[in-house]
PDB file of N, CA and C in Angstrom:
ATOM      1  N   MET A   1      17.769  28.618  -0.616  1.00  0.00           N
ATOM      2  CA  MET A   1      16.815  27.581  -0.942  1.00  0.00           C
ATOM      3  C   MET A   1      17.415  26.656  -1.995  1.00  0.00           C
ATOM      4  N   ALA A   2      17.172  25.367  -1.853  1.00  0.00           N
ATOM      5  CA  ALA A   2      17.739  24.369  -2.753  1.00  0.00           C
ATOM      6  C   ALA A   2      17.042  24.391  -4.103  1.00  0.00           C
ATOM      7  N   LEU A   3      17.721  23.840  -5.088  1.00  0.00           N
ATOM      8  CA  LEU A   3      17.137  23.732  -6.423  1.00  0.00           C
ATOM      9  C   LEU A   3      16.007  22.711  -6.420  1.00  0.00           C
ATOM     10  N   ARG A   4      15.031  22.931  -7.274  1.00  0.00           N
ATOM     11  CA  ARG A   4      13.917  21.987  -7.413  1.00  0.00           C
ATOM     12  C   ARG A   4      14.390  20.773  -8.200  1.00  0.00           C
ATOM     13  N   SER A   5      13.902  19.620  -7.833  1.00  0.00           N
ATOM     14  CA  SER A   5      14.269  18.391  -8.524  1.00  0.00           C
ATOM     15  C   SER A   5      13.605  18.335  -9.892  1.00  0.00           C
ATOM     16  N   LYS A   6      14.358  17.887 -10.889  1.00  0.00           N
ATOM     17  CA  LYS A   6      13.804  17.735 -12.231  1.00  0.00           C
ATOM     18  C   LYS A   6      12.961  16.467 -12.329  1.00  0.00           C
ATOM     19  N   LEU A   7      13.086  15.593 -11.354  1.00  0.00           N
ATOM     20  CA  LEU A   7      12.285  14.364 -11.347  1.00  0.00           C
ATOM     21  C   LEU A   7      10.820  14.656 -11.057  1.00  0.00           C
ATOM     22  N   LEU A   8      10.580  15.685 -10.260  1.00  0.00           N
ATOM     23  CA  LEU A   8       9.212  16.004  -9.856  1.00  0.00           C
ATOM     24  C   LEU A   8       8.545  16.887 -10.898  1.00  0.00           C
ATOM     25  N   ASP A   9       7.709  16.291 -11.710  1.00  0.00           N
ATOM     26  CA  ASP A   9       6.938  17.063 -12.674  1.00  0.00           C
ATOM     27  C   ASP A   9       5.451  16.815 -12.434  1.00  0.00           C
ATOM     28  N   LYS A  10       4.617  17.446 -13.233  1.00  0.00           N
ATOM     29  CA  LYS A  10       3.165  17.329 -13.041  1.00  0.00           C
ATOM     30  C   LYS A  10       2.683  15.900 -13.221  1.00  0.00           C
ATOM     31  N   LYS A  11       3.326  15.168 -14.119  1.00  0.00           N
ATOM     32  CA  LYS A  11       2.932  13.780 -14.373  1.00  0.00           C
ATOM     33  C   LYS A  11       3.154  12.912 -13.127  1.00  0.00           C
ATOM     34  N   VAL A  12       4.299  13.088 -12.487  1.00  0.00           N
ATOM     35  CA  VAL A  12       4.622  12.304 -11.285  1.00  0.00           C
ATOM     36  C   VAL A  12       3.657  12.642 -10.156  1.00  0.00           C
ATOM     37  N   ILE A  13       3.422  13.919  -9.939  1.00  0.00           N
ATOM     38  CA  ILE A  13       2.519  14.345  -8.867  1.00  0.00           C
ATOM     39  C   ILE A  13       1.101  13.874  -9.157  1.00  0.00           C
ATOM     40  N   GLY A  14       0.687  13.979 -10.419  1.00  0.00           N
ATOM     41  CA  GLY A  14      -0.649  13.513 -10.803  1.00  0.00           C
ATOM     42  C   GLY A  14      -0.819  12.023 -10.580  1.00  0.00           C
ATOM     43  N   SER A  15       0.197  11.239 -10.953  1.00  0.00           N
ATOM     44  CA  SER A  15       0.095   9.791 -10.741  1.00  0.00           C
ATOM     45  C   SER A  15       0.128   9.453  -9.255  1.00  0.00           C
ATOM     46  N   ALA A  16       0.888  10.225  -8.468  1.00  0.00           N
ATOM     47  CA  ALA A  16       0.921   9.994  -7.019  1.00  0.00           C
ATOM     48  C   ALA A  16      -0.438  10.284  -6.397  1.00  0.00           C
ATOM     49  N   LYS A  17      -1.073  11.378  -6.812  1.00  0.00           N
ATOM     50  CA  LYS A  17      -2.393  11.723  -6.265  1.00  0.00           C
ATOM     51  C   LYS A  17      -3.441  10.699  -6.684  1.00  0.00           C
ATOM     52  N   GLU A  18      -3.372  10.249  -7.928  1.00  0.00           N
ATOM     53  CA  GLU A  18      -4.323   9.250  -8.428  1.00  0.00           C
ATOM     54  C   GLU A  18      -4.148   7.920  -7.690  1.00  0.00           C
ATOM     55  N   MET A  19      -2.905   7.523  -7.504  1.00  0.00           N
ATOM     56  CA  MET A  19      -2.638   6.264  -6.810  1.00  0.00           C
ATOM     57  C   MET A  19      -3.035   6.362  -5.340  1.00  0.00           C
ATOM     58  N   LEU A  20      -2.871   7.541  -4.743  1.00  0.00           N
ATOM     59  CA  LEU A  20      -3.240   7.739  -3.342  1.00  0.00           C
ATOM     60  C   LEU A  20      -4.734   7.523  -3.137  1.00  0.00           C
ATOM     61  N   LYS A  21      -5.539   7.910  -4.119  1.00  0.00           N
ATOM     62  CA  LYS A  21      -6.982   7.678  -4.025  1.00  0.00           C
ATOM     63  C   LYS A  21      -7.301   6.187  -4.024  1.00  0.00           C
ATOM     64  N   LYS A  22      -6.510   5.403  -4.746  1.00  0.00           N
ATOM     65  CA  LYS A  22      -6.767   3.964  -4.871  1.00  0.00           C
ATOM     66  C   LYS A  22      -6.300   3.179  -3.652  1.00  0.00           C
ATOM     67  N   VAL A  23      -5.220   3.608  -3.019  1.00  0.00           N
ATOM     68  CA  VAL A  23      -4.623   2.822  -1.928  1.00  0.00           C
ATOM     69  C   VAL A  23      -4.743   3.517  -0.582  1.00  0.00           C
ATOM     70  N   ARG A  24      -5.827   4.202  -0.348  1.00  0.00           N
ATOM     71  CA  ARG A  24      -6.019   4.953   0.902  1.00  0.00           C
ATOM     72  C   ARG A  24      -5.785   4.102   2.148  1.00  0.00           C
ATOM     73  N   ASN A  25      -6.240   2.857   2.122  1.00  0.00           N
ATOM     74  CA  ASN A  25      -6.163   2.036   3.333  1.00  0.00           C
ATOM     75  C   ASN A  25      -4.819   1.331   3.492  1.00  0.00           C
ATOM     76  N   ASN A  26      -3.907   1.497   2.564  1.00  0.00           N
ATOM     77  CA  ASN A  26      -2.586   0.892   2.663  1.00  0.00           C
ATOM     78  C   ASN A  26      -1.615   1.949   3.188  1.00  0.00           C
ATOM     79  N   ALA A  27      -1.409   1.954   4.494  1.00  0.00           N
ATOM     80  CA  ALA A  27      -0.596   2.993   5.129  1.00  0.00           C
ATOM     81  C   ALA A  27       0.844   2.967   4.639  1.00  0.00           C
ATOM     82  N   TYR A  28       1.349   1.790   4.320  1.00  0.00           N
ATOM     83  CA  TYR A  28       2.733   1.639   3.870  1.00  0.00           C
ATOM     84  C   TYR A  28       2.972   2.433   2.588  1.00  0.00           C
ATOM     85  N   VAL A  29       2.049   2.329   1.639  1.00  0.00           N
ATOM     86  CA  VAL A  29       2.198   3.005   0.349  1.00  0.00           C
ATOM     87  C   VAL A  29       1.737   4.457   0.429  1.00  0.00           C
ATOM     88  N   SER A  30       0.645   4.719   1.142  1.00  0.00           N
ATOM     89  CA  SER A  30       0.121   6.089   1.184  1.00  0.00           C
ATOM     90  C   SER A  30       1.110   7.045   1.853  1.00  0.00           C
ATOM     91  N   ARG A  31       1.881   6.564   2.804  1.00  0.00           N
ATOM     92  CA  ARG A  31       2.907   7.403   3.439  1.00  0.00           C
ATOM     93  C   ARG A  31       3.955   7.826   2.404  1.00  0.00           C
ATOM     94  N   LYS A  32       4.346   6.885   1.558  1.00  0.00           N
ATOM     95  CA  LYS A  32       5.326   7.194   0.520  1.00  0.00           C
ATOM     96  C   LYS A  32       4.760   8.189  -0.487  1.00  0.00           C
ATOM     97  N   LEU A  33       3.514   7.981  -0.876  1.00  0.00           N
ATOM     98  CA  LEU A  33       2.896   8.869  -1.862  1.00  0.00           C
ATOM     99  C   LEU A  33       2.719  10.281  -1.314  1.00  0.00           C
ATOM    100  N   ARG A  34       2.329  10.388  -0.043  1.00  0.00           N
ATOM    101  CA  ARG A  34       2.185  11.717   0.561  1.00  0.00           C
ATOM    102  C   ARG A  34       3.533  12.433   0.633  1.00  0.00           C
ATOM    103  N   ALA A  35       4.601  11.678   0.882  1.00  0.00           N
ATOM    104  CA  ALA A  35       5.936  12.280   0.920  1.00  0.00           C
ATOM    105  C   ALA A  35       6.336  12.794  -0.464  1.00  0.00           C
ATOM    106  N   VAL A  36       6.012  12.039  -1.504  1.00  0.00           N
ATOM    107  CA  VAL A  36       6.324  12.473  -2.873  1.00  0.00           C
ATOM    108  C   VAL A  36       5.561  13.748  -3.211  1.00  0.00           C
ATOM    109  N   ILE A  37       4.288  13.796  -2.852  1.00  0.00           N
ATOM    110  CA  ILE A  37       3.472  14.982  -3.132  1.00  0.00           C
ATOM    111  C   ILE A  37       4.004  16.189  -2.356  1.00  0.00           C
ATOM    112  N   ALA A  38       4.399  15.969  -1.112  1.00  0.00           N
ATOM    113  CA  ALA A  38       4.928  17.065  -0.294  1.00  0.00           C
ATOM    114  C   ALA A  38       6.259  17.571  -0.837  1.00  0.00           C
ATOM    115  N   ALA A  39       7.025  16.702  -1.485  1.00  0.00           N
ATOM    116  CA  ALA A  39       8.322  17.108  -2.033  1.00  0.00           C
ATOM    117  C   ALA A  39       8.164  18.122  -3.158  1.00  0.00           C
ATOM    118  N   LYS A  40       7.008  18.176  -3.774  1.00  0.00           N
ATOM    119  CA  LYS A  40       6.762  19.180  -4.818  1.00  0.00           C
ATOM    120  C   LYS A  40       6.668  20.574  -4.204  1.00  0.00           C
ATOM    121  N   GLU A  41       6.044  20.678  -3.039  1.00  0.00           N
ATOM    122  CA  GLU A  41       5.887  21.974  -2.369  1.00  0.00           C
ATOM    123  C   GLU A  41       7.180  22.404  -1.676  1.00  0.00           C
ATOM    124  N   SER A  42       7.818  21.480  -0.988  1.00  0.00           N
ATOM    125  CA  SER A  42       9.070  21.760  -0.287  1.00  0.00           C
ATOM    126  C   SER A  42      10.190  21.037  -1.029  1.00  0.00           C
ATOM    127  N   SER A  43      11.363  21.072  -0.483  1.00  0.00           N
ATOM    128  CA  SER A  43      12.467  20.357  -1.112  1.00  0.00           C
ATOM    129  C   SER A  43      12.476  18.899  -0.660  1.00  0.00           C
ATOM    130  N   ILE A  44      13.151  18.069  -1.418  1.00  0.00           N
ATOM    131  CA  ILE A  44      13.261  16.652  -1.078  1.00  0.00           C
ATOM    132  C   ILE A  44      13.958  16.498   0.267  1.00  0.00           C
ATOM    133  N   THR A  45      14.977  17.297   0.504  1.00  0.00           N
ATOM    134  CA  THR A  45      15.714  17.225   1.765  1.00  0.00           C
ATOM    135  C   THR A  45      14.817  17.556   2.950  1.00  0.00           C
ATOM    136  N   ALA A  46      14.009  18.596   2.824  1.00  0.00           N
ATOM    137  CA  ALA A  46      13.128  19.002   3.925  1.00  0.00           C
ATOM    138  C   ALA A  46      12.081  17.935   4.210  1.00  0.00           C
ATOM    139  N   VAL A  47      11.503  17.377   3.167  1.00  0.00           N
ATOM    140  CA  VAL A  47      10.488  16.331   3.356  1.00  0.00           C
ATOM    141  C   VAL A  47      11.125  15.091   3.967  1.00  0.00           C
ATOM    142  N   ALA A  48      12.316  14.743   3.498  1.00  0.00           N
ATOM    143  CA  ALA A  48      13.009  13.575   4.037  1.00  0.00           C
ATOM    144  C   ALA A  48      13.296  13.764   5.528  1.00  0.00           C
ATOM    145  N   ARG A  49      13.675  14.972   5.902  1.00  0.00           N
ATOM    146  CA  ARG A  49      13.966  15.247   7.303  1.00  0.00           C
ATOM    147  C   ARG A  49      12.700  15.133   8.153  1.00  0.00           C
ATOM    148  N   VAL A  50      11.592  15.685   7.676  1.00  0.00           N
ATOM    149  CA  VAL A  50      10.330  15.646   8.421  1.00  0.00           C
ATOM    150  C   VAL A  50       9.809  14.213   8.531  1.00  0.00           C
ATOM    151  N   CYS A  51       9.905  13.460   7.449  1.00  0.00           N
ATOM    152  CA  CYS A  51       9.392  12.078   7.437  1.00  0.00           C
ATOM    153  C   CYS A  51      10.367  11.082   8.051  1.00  0.00           C
ATOM    154  N   LYS A  52      11.563  11.563   8.400  1.00  0.00           N
ATOM    155  CA  LYS A  52      12.603  10.725   8.998  1.00  0.00           C
ATOM    156  C   LYS A  52      12.987   9.565   8.079  1.00  0.00           C
ATOM    157  N   ILE A  53      13.228   9.910   6.818  1.00  0.00           N
ATOM    158  CA  ILE A  53      13.712   8.956   5.823  1.00  0.00           C
ATOM    159  C   ILE A  53      14.913   9.584   5.133  1.00  0.00           C
ATOM    160  N   SER A  54      15.633   8.805   4.359  1.00  0.00           N
ATOM    161  CA  SER A  54      16.780   9.362   3.643  1.00  0.00           C
ATOM    162  C   SER A  54      16.324  10.033   2.352  1.00  0.00           C
ATOM    163  N   ARG A  55      17.144  10.963   1.882  1.00  0.00           N
ATOM    164  CA  ARG A  55      16.838  11.624   0.614  1.00  0.00           C
ATOM    165  C   ARG A  55      16.842  10.614  -0.523  1.00  0.00           C
ATOM    166  N   THR A  56      17.755   9.661  -0.457  1.00  0.00           N
ATOM    167  CA  THR A  56      17.839   8.670  -1.537  1.00  0.00           C
ATOM    168  C   THR A  56      16.590   7.797  -1.587  1.00  0.00           C
ATOM    169  N   ALA A  57      16.022   7.476  -0.429  1.00  0.00           N
ATOM    170  CA  ALA A  57      14.789   6.676  -0.415  1.00  0.00           C
ATOM    171  C   ALA A  57      13.657   7.449  -1.080  1.00  0.00           C
ATOM    172  N   LEU A  58      13.520   8.712  -0.735  1.00  0.00           N
ATOM    173  CA  LEU A  58      12.466   9.538  -1.331  1.00  0.00           C
ATOM    174  C   LEU A  58      12.689   9.701  -2.832  1.00  0.00           C
ATOM    175  N   THR A  59      13.942   9.878  -3.229  1.00  0.00           N
ATOM    176  CA  THR A  59      14.253   9.997  -4.653  1.00  0.00           C
ATOM    177  C   THR A  59      13.916   8.705  -5.392  1.00  0.00           C
ATOM    178  N   GLU A  60      14.173   7.568  -4.774  1.00  0.00           N
ATOM    179  CA  GLU A  60      13.820   6.282  -5.390  1.00  0.00           C
ATOM    180  C   GLU A  60      12.311   6.161  -5.570  1.00  0.00           C
ATOM    181  N   TRP A  61      11.544   6.588  -4.579  1.00  0.00           N
ATOM    182  CA  TRP A  61      10.082   6.530  -4.689  1.00  0.00           C
ATOM    183  C   TRP A  61       9.607   7.395  -5.858  1.00  0.00           C
ATOM    184  N   ILE A  62      10.216   8.568  -5.996  1.00  0.00           N
ATOM    185  CA  ILE A  62       9.851   9.464  -7.098  1.00  0.00           C
ATOM    186  C   ILE A  62      10.188   8.805  -8.436  1.00  0.00           C
ATOM    187  N   LYS A  63      11.353   8.180  -8.517  1.00  0.00           N
ATOM    188  CA  LYS A  63      11.756   7.501  -9.755  1.00  0.00           C
ATOM    189  C   LYS A  63      10.809   6.353 -10.091  1.00  0.00           C
ATOM    190  N   HIS A  64      10.385   5.610  -9.075  1.00  0.00           N
ATOM    191  CA  HIS A  64       9.445   4.508  -9.319  1.00  0.00           C
ATOM    192  C   HIS A  64       8.167   5.038  -9.960  1.00  0.00           C
ATOM    193  N   LEU A  65       7.675   6.161  -9.473  1.00  0.00           N
ATOM    194  CA  LEU A  65       6.462   6.750 -10.044  1.00  0.00           C
ATOM    195  C   LEU A  65       6.717   7.315 -11.440  1.00  0.00           C
ATOM    196  N   LYS A  66       7.843   7.967 -11.608  1.00  0.00           N
ATOM    197  CA  LYS A  66       8.142   8.616 -12.887  1.00  0.00           C
ATOM    198  C   LYS A  66       8.302   7.610 -14.019  1.00  0.00           C
ATOM    199  N   PHE A  67       8.926   6.483 -13.726  1.00  0.00           N
ATOM    200  CA  PHE A  67       9.233   5.511 -14.775  1.00  0.00           C
ATOM    201  C   PHE A  67       8.268   4.329 -14.796  1.00  0.00           C
ATOM    202  N   GLY A  68       7.091   4.498 -14.178  1.00  0.00           N
ATOM    203  CA  GLY A  68       6.032   3.498 -14.291  1.00  0.00           C
ATOM    204  C   GLY A  68       6.254   2.221 -13.510  1.00  0.00           C
ATOM    205  N   ARG A  69       6.992   2.293 -12.428  1.00  0.00           N
ATOM    206  CA  ARG A  69       7.227   1.108 -11.598  1.00  0.00           C
ATOM    207  C   ARG A  69       6.571   1.291 -10.226  1.00  0.00           C
ATOM    208  N   ALA A  70       5.323   1.708 -10.232  1.00  0.00           N
ATOM    209  CA  ALA A  70       4.616   2.015  -8.981  1.00  0.00           C
ATOM    210  C   ALA A  70       4.462   0.789  -8.092  1.00  0.00           C
ATOM    211  N   GLU A  71       4.469  -0.415  -8.661  1.00  0.00           N
ATOM    212  CA  GLU A  71       4.329  -1.627  -7.845  1.00  0.00           C
ATOM    213  C   GLU A  71       5.505  -1.800  -6.888  1.00  0.00           C
ATOM    214  N   LYS A  72       6.626  -1.134  -7.168  1.00  0.00           N
ATOM    215  CA  LYS A  72       7.790  -1.213  -6.283  1.00  0.00           C
ATOM    216  C   LYS A  72       7.561  -0.462  -4.973  1.00  0.00           C
ATOM    217  N   LEU A  73       6.524   0.373  -4.908  1.00  0.00           N
ATOM    218  CA  LEU A  73       6.227   1.097  -3.671  1.00  0.00           C
ATOM    219  C   LEU A  73       5.591   0.185  -2.625  1.00  0.00           C
ATOM    220  N   PHE A  74       5.020  -0.929  -3.062  1.00  0.00           N
ATOM    221  CA  PHE A  74       4.375  -1.865  -2.143  1.00  0.00           C
ATOM    222  C   PHE A  74       5.422  -2.742  -1.463  1.00  0.00           C
ATOM    223  N   ALA A  75       5.069  -3.282  -0.314  1.00  0.00           N
ATOM    224  CA  ALA A  75       5.969  -4.183   0.397  1.00  0.00           C
ATOM    225  C   ALA A  75       6.135  -5.464  -0.413  1.00  0.00           C
ATOM    226  N   PRO A  76       7.340  -6.023  -0.456  1.00  0.00           N
ATOM    227  CA  PRO A  76       7.526  -7.282  -1.174  1.00  0.00           C
ATOM    228  C   PRO A  76       6.761  -8.406  -0.481  1.00  0.00           C
ATOM    229  N   PRO A  77       6.389  -9.454  -1.217  1.00  0.00           N
ATOM    230  CA  PRO A  77       5.561 -10.525  -0.641  1.00  0.00           C
ATOM    231  C   PRO A  77       6.151 -11.163   0.621  1.00  0.00           C
ATOM    232  N   GLU A  78       7.473 -11.265   0.693  1.00  0.00           N
ATOM    233  CA  GLU A  78       8.064 -11.914   1.865  1.00  0.00           C
ATOM    234  C   GLU A  78       7.942 -11.076   3.134  1.00  0.00           C
ATOM    235  N   ARG A  79       7.619  -9.786   3.004  1.00  0.00           N
ATOM    236  CA  ARG A  79       7.453  -8.944   4.188  1.00  0.00           C
ATOM    237  C   ARG A  79       5.999  -8.713   4.547  1.00  0.00           C
ATOM    238  N   ARG A  80       5.091  -9.297   3.782  1.00  0.00           N
ATOM    239  CA  ARG A  80       3.671  -9.126   4.075  1.00  0.00           C
ATOM    240  C   ARG A  80       3.225 -10.139   5.114  1.00  0.00           C
ATOM    241  N   ARG A  81       2.087  -9.857   5.709  1.00  0.00           N
ATOM    242  CA  ARG A  81       1.531 -10.736   6.727  1.00  0.00           C
ATOM    243  C   ARG A  81       1.135 -12.072   6.103  1.00  0.00           C
ATOM    244  N   LYS A  82       1.511 -13.156   6.752  1.00  0.00           N
ATOM    245  CA  LYS A  82       1.219 -14.490   6.248  1.00  0.00           C
ATOM    246  C   LYS A  82      -0.199 -14.893   6.639  1.00  0.00           C
ATOM    247  N   SER A  83      -0.875 -15.584   5.735  1.00  0.00           N
ATOM    248  CA  SER A  83      -2.232 -16.055   5.995  1.00  0.00           C
ATOM    249  C   SER A  83      -2.175 -17.325   6.836  1.00  0.00           C
ATOM    250  N   ILE A  84      -3.122 -17.466   7.754  1.00  0.00           N
ATOM    251  CA  ILE A  84      -3.173 -18.686   8.555  1.00  0.00           C
ATOM    252  C   ILE A  84      -4.068 -19.731   7.905  1.00  0.00           C
ATOM    253  N   LEU A  85      -4.730 -19.361   6.812  1.00  0.00           N
ATOM    254  CA  LEU A  85      -5.585 -20.293   6.080  1.00  0.00           C
ATOM    255  C   LEU A  85      -4.871 -20.751   4.820  1.00  0.00           C
ATOM    256  N   ASN A  86      -5.054 -22.032   4.468  1.00  0.00           N
ATOM    257  CA  ASN A  86      -4.498 -22.492   3.204  1.00  0.00           C
ATOM    258  C   ASN A  86      -5.512 -22.254   2.089  1.00  0.00           C
ATOM    259  N   SER A  87      -5.148 -22.585   0.871  1.00  0.00           N
ATOM    260  CA  SER A  87      -6.003 -22.256  -0.275  1.00  0.00           C
ATOM    261  C   SER A  87      -7.322 -23.026  -0.259  1.00  0.00           C
ATOM    262  N   SER A  88      -7.322 -24.274   0.198  1.00  0.00           N
ATOM    263  CA  SER A  88      -8.581 -25.030   0.238  1.00  0.00           C
ATOM    264  C   SER A  88      -9.538 -24.440   1.281  1.00  0.00           C
ATOM    265  N   GLN A  89      -8.995 -23.969   2.400  1.00  0.00           N
ATOM    266  CA  GLN A  89      -9.825 -23.346   3.426  1.00  0.00           C
ATOM    267  C   GLN A  89     -10.403 -22.024   2.918  1.00  0.00           C
ATOM    268  N   ARG A  90      -9.591 -21.245   2.196  1.00  0.00           N
ATOM    269  CA  ARG A  90     -10.099 -19.999   1.615  1.00  0.00           C
ATOM    270  C   ARG A  90     -11.197 -20.290   0.599  1.00  0.00           C
ATOM    271  N   GLY A  91     -11.031 -21.367  -0.177  1.00  0.00           N
ATOM    272  CA  GLY A  91     -12.064 -21.764  -1.134  1.00  0.00           C
ATOM    273  C   GLY A  91     -13.356 -22.131  -0.440  1.00  0.00           C
ATOM    274  N   GLN A  92     -13.243 -22.829   0.688  1.00  0.00           N
ATOM    275  CA  GLN A  92     -14.421 -23.203   1.474  1.00  0.00           C
ATOM    276  C   GLN A  92     -15.153 -21.951   1.972  1.00  0.00           C
ATOM    277  N   ILE A  93     -14.410 -20.982   2.454  1.00  0.00           N
ATOM    278  CA  ILE A  93     -15.008 -19.736   2.947  1.00  0.00           C
ATOM    279  C   ILE A  93     -15.678 -18.977   1.804  1.00  0.00           C
ATOM    280  N   GLU A  94     -15.064 -18.985   0.620  1.00  0.00           N
ATOM    281  CA  GLU A  94     -15.681 -18.339  -0.546  1.00  0.00           C
ATOM    282  C   GLU A  94     -17.008 -19.004  -0.892  1.00  0.00           C
ATOM    283  N   ARG A  95     -17.076 -20.329  -0.784  1.00  0.00           N
ATOM    284  CA  ARG A  95     -18.332 -21.042  -1.046  1.00  0.00           C
ATOM    285  C   ARG A  95     -19.393 -20.657  -0.019  1.00  0.00           C
ATOM    286  N   TRP A  96     -19.006 -20.489   1.246  1.00  0.00           N
ATOM    287  CA  TRP A  96     -19.960 -20.054   2.278  1.00  0.00           C
ATOM    288  C   TRP A  96     -20.542 -18.698   1.899  1.00  0.00           C
ATOM    289  N   ILE A  97     -19.687 -17.809   1.436  1.00  0.00           N
ATOM    290  CA  ILE A  97     -20.139 -16.460   1.086  1.00  0.00           C
ATOM    291  C   ILE A  97     -21.052 -16.503  -0.132  1.00  0.00           C
ATOM    292  N   GLU A  98     -20.740 -17.387  -1.094  1.00  0.00           N
ATOM    293  CA  GLU A  98     -21.610 -17.522  -2.271  1.00  0.00           C
ATOM    294  C   GLU A  98     -22.974 -18.083  -1.875  1.00  0.00           C
ATOM    295  N   GLU A  99     -22.977 -19.036  -0.937  1.00  0.00           N
ATOM    296  CA  GLU A  99     -24.237 -19.624  -0.473  1.00  0.00           C
ATOM    297  C   GLU A  99     -25.072 -18.603   0.294  1.00  0.00           C
ATOM    298  N   ASN A 100     -24.405 -17.814   1.120  1.00  0.00           N
ATOM    299  CA  ASN A 100     -25.100 -16.829   1.952  1.00  0.00           C
ATOM    300  C   ASN A 100     -24.347 -15.496   1.879  1.00  0.00           C
ATOM    301  N   PRO A 101     -24.679 -14.642   0.916  1.00  0.00           N
ATOM    302  CA  PRO A 101     -23.967 -13.367   0.770  1.00  0.00           C
ATOM    303  C   PRO A 101     -24.157 -12.420   1.954  1.00  0.00           C
ATOM    304  N   ASN A 102     -25.147 -12.681   2.794  1.00  0.00           N
ATOM    305  CA  ASN A 102     -25.417 -11.802   3.935  1.00  0.00           C
ATOM    306  C   ASN A 102     -24.749 -12.284   5.218  1.00  0.00           C
ATOM    307  N   ILE A 103     -23.829 -13.222   5.109  1.00  0.00           N
ATOM    308  CA  ILE A 103     -23.139 -13.723   6.300  1.00  0.00           C
ATOM    309  C   ILE A 103     -22.309 -12.585   6.910  1.00  0.00           C
ATOM    310  N   THR A 104     -22.361 -12.487   8.218  1.00  0.00           N
ATOM    311  CA  THR A 104     -21.604 -11.432   8.899  1.00  0.00           C
ATOM    312  C   THR A 104     -20.210 -11.939   9.226  1.00  0.00           C
ATOM    313  N   ILE A 105     -19.334 -11.024   9.552  1.00  0.00           N
ATOM    314  CA  ILE A 105     -17.971 -11.399   9.918  1.00  0.00           C
ATOM    315  C   ILE A 105     -17.990 -12.256  11.178  1.00  0.00           C
ATOM    316  N   LYS A 106     -18.870 -11.907  12.098  1.00  0.00           N
ATOM    317  CA  LYS A 106     -18.973 -12.657  13.347  1.00  0.00           C
ATOM    318  C   LYS A 106     -19.385 -14.102  13.074  1.00  0.00           C
ATOM    319  N   GLU A 107     -20.400 -14.287  12.205  1.00  0.00           N
ATOM    320  CA  GLU A 107     -20.839 -15.636  11.860  1.00  0.00           C
ATOM    321  C   GLU A 107     -19.739 -16.403  11.131  1.00  0.00           C
ATOM    322  N   ALA A 108     -19.046 -15.726  10.228  1.00  0.00           N
ATOM    323  CA  ALA A 108     -17.967 -16.370   9.485  1.00  0.00           C
ATOM    324  C   ALA A 108     -16.848 -16.791  10.432  1.00  0.00           C
ATOM    325  N   LYS A 109     -16.540 -15.957  11.390  1.00  0.00           N
ATOM    326  CA  LYS A 109     -15.484 -16.271  12.353  1.00  0.00           C
ATOM    327  C   LYS A 109     -15.854 -17.499  13.178  1.00  0.00           C
ATOM    328  N   ILE A 110     -17.118 -17.572  13.603  1.00  0.00           N
ATOM    329  CA  ILE A 110     -17.583 -18.730  14.380  1.00  0.00           C
ATOM    330  C   ILE A 110     -17.473 -19.999  13.547  1.00  0.00           C
ATOM    331  N   ARG A 111     -17.915 -19.927  12.283  1.00  0.00           N
ATOM    332  CA  ARG A 111     -17.844 -21.099  11.406  1.00  0.00           C
ATOM    333  C   ARG A 111     -16.406 -21.522  11.153  1.00  0.00           C
ATOM    334  N   ILE A 112     -15.523 -20.549  10.988  1.00  0.00           N
ATOM    335  CA  ILE A 112     -14.107 -20.866  10.764  1.00  0.00           C
ATOM    336  C   ILE A 112     -13.539 -21.590  11.973  1.00  0.00           C
ATOM    337  N   LEU A 113     -13.858 -21.100  13.168  1.00  0.00           N
ATOM    338  CA  LEU A 113     -13.358 -21.747  14.383  1.00  0.00           C
ATOM    339  C   LEU A 113     -13.934 -23.145  14.551  1.00  0.00           C
ATOM    340  N   GLU A 114     -15.202 -23.346  14.149  1.00  0.00           N
ATOM    341  CA  GLU A 114     -15.817 -24.669  14.247  1.00  0.00           C
ATOM    342  C   GLU A 114     -15.242 -25.630  13.206  1.00  0.00           C
ATOM    343  N   GLU A 115     -15.115 -25.167  11.961  1.00  0.00           N
ATOM    344  CA  GLU A 115     -14.663 -26.027  10.865  1.00  0.00           C
ATOM    345  C   GLU A 115     -13.165 -26.308  10.929  1.00  0.00           C
ATOM    346  N   PHE A 116     -12.414 -25.276  11.163  1.00  0.00           N
ATOM    347  CA  PHE A 116     -10.956 -25.398  11.165  1.00  0.00           C
ATOM    348  C   PHE A 116     -10.461 -25.171  12.590  1.00  0.00           C
ATOM    349  N   ALA A 117     -10.668 -26.133  13.450  1.00  0.00           N
ATOM    350  CA  ALA A 117     -10.418 -25.979  14.889  1.00  0.00           C
ATOM    351  C   ALA A 117      -8.953 -25.715  15.223  1.00  0.00           C
ATOM    352  N   HIS A 118      -8.049 -26.075  14.346  1.00  0.00           N
ATOM    353  CA  HIS A 118      -6.628 -25.910  14.653  1.00  0.00           C
ATOM    354  C   HIS A 118      -6.141 -24.466  14.548  1.00  0.00           C
ATOM    355  N   ILE A 119      -6.996 -23.559  14.082  1.00  0.00           N
ATOM    356  CA  ILE A 119      -6.588 -22.154  13.919  1.00  0.00           C
ATOM    357  C   ILE A 119      -6.687 -21.418  15.234  1.00  0.00           C
TER     358      ILE A 119
END
């Protein structure tokens, strides 16, 4: 059996579990956090093999958590999905929601298609 990593301590695992509660719906980050938590029970090599990632990638994720750089676990802005609305259109939609907080997604979608026909 391999030696346990000195990077994985209770603080790292605790911060990973806490962050996992906050970002449940972000599959990109939650996958990384679950791998870090699993590395505490098994070895980094075994978890890397199961998750089909490199050991160095998993070690980097652990280091990001250990040294307070958790924002590095998120996808960089250039790899995120681009919005089809510009800032003035988003502002208009926010005003609609302020005027009518009970607007449904279906109604909002219809209004968006009517107002911003080029989308």
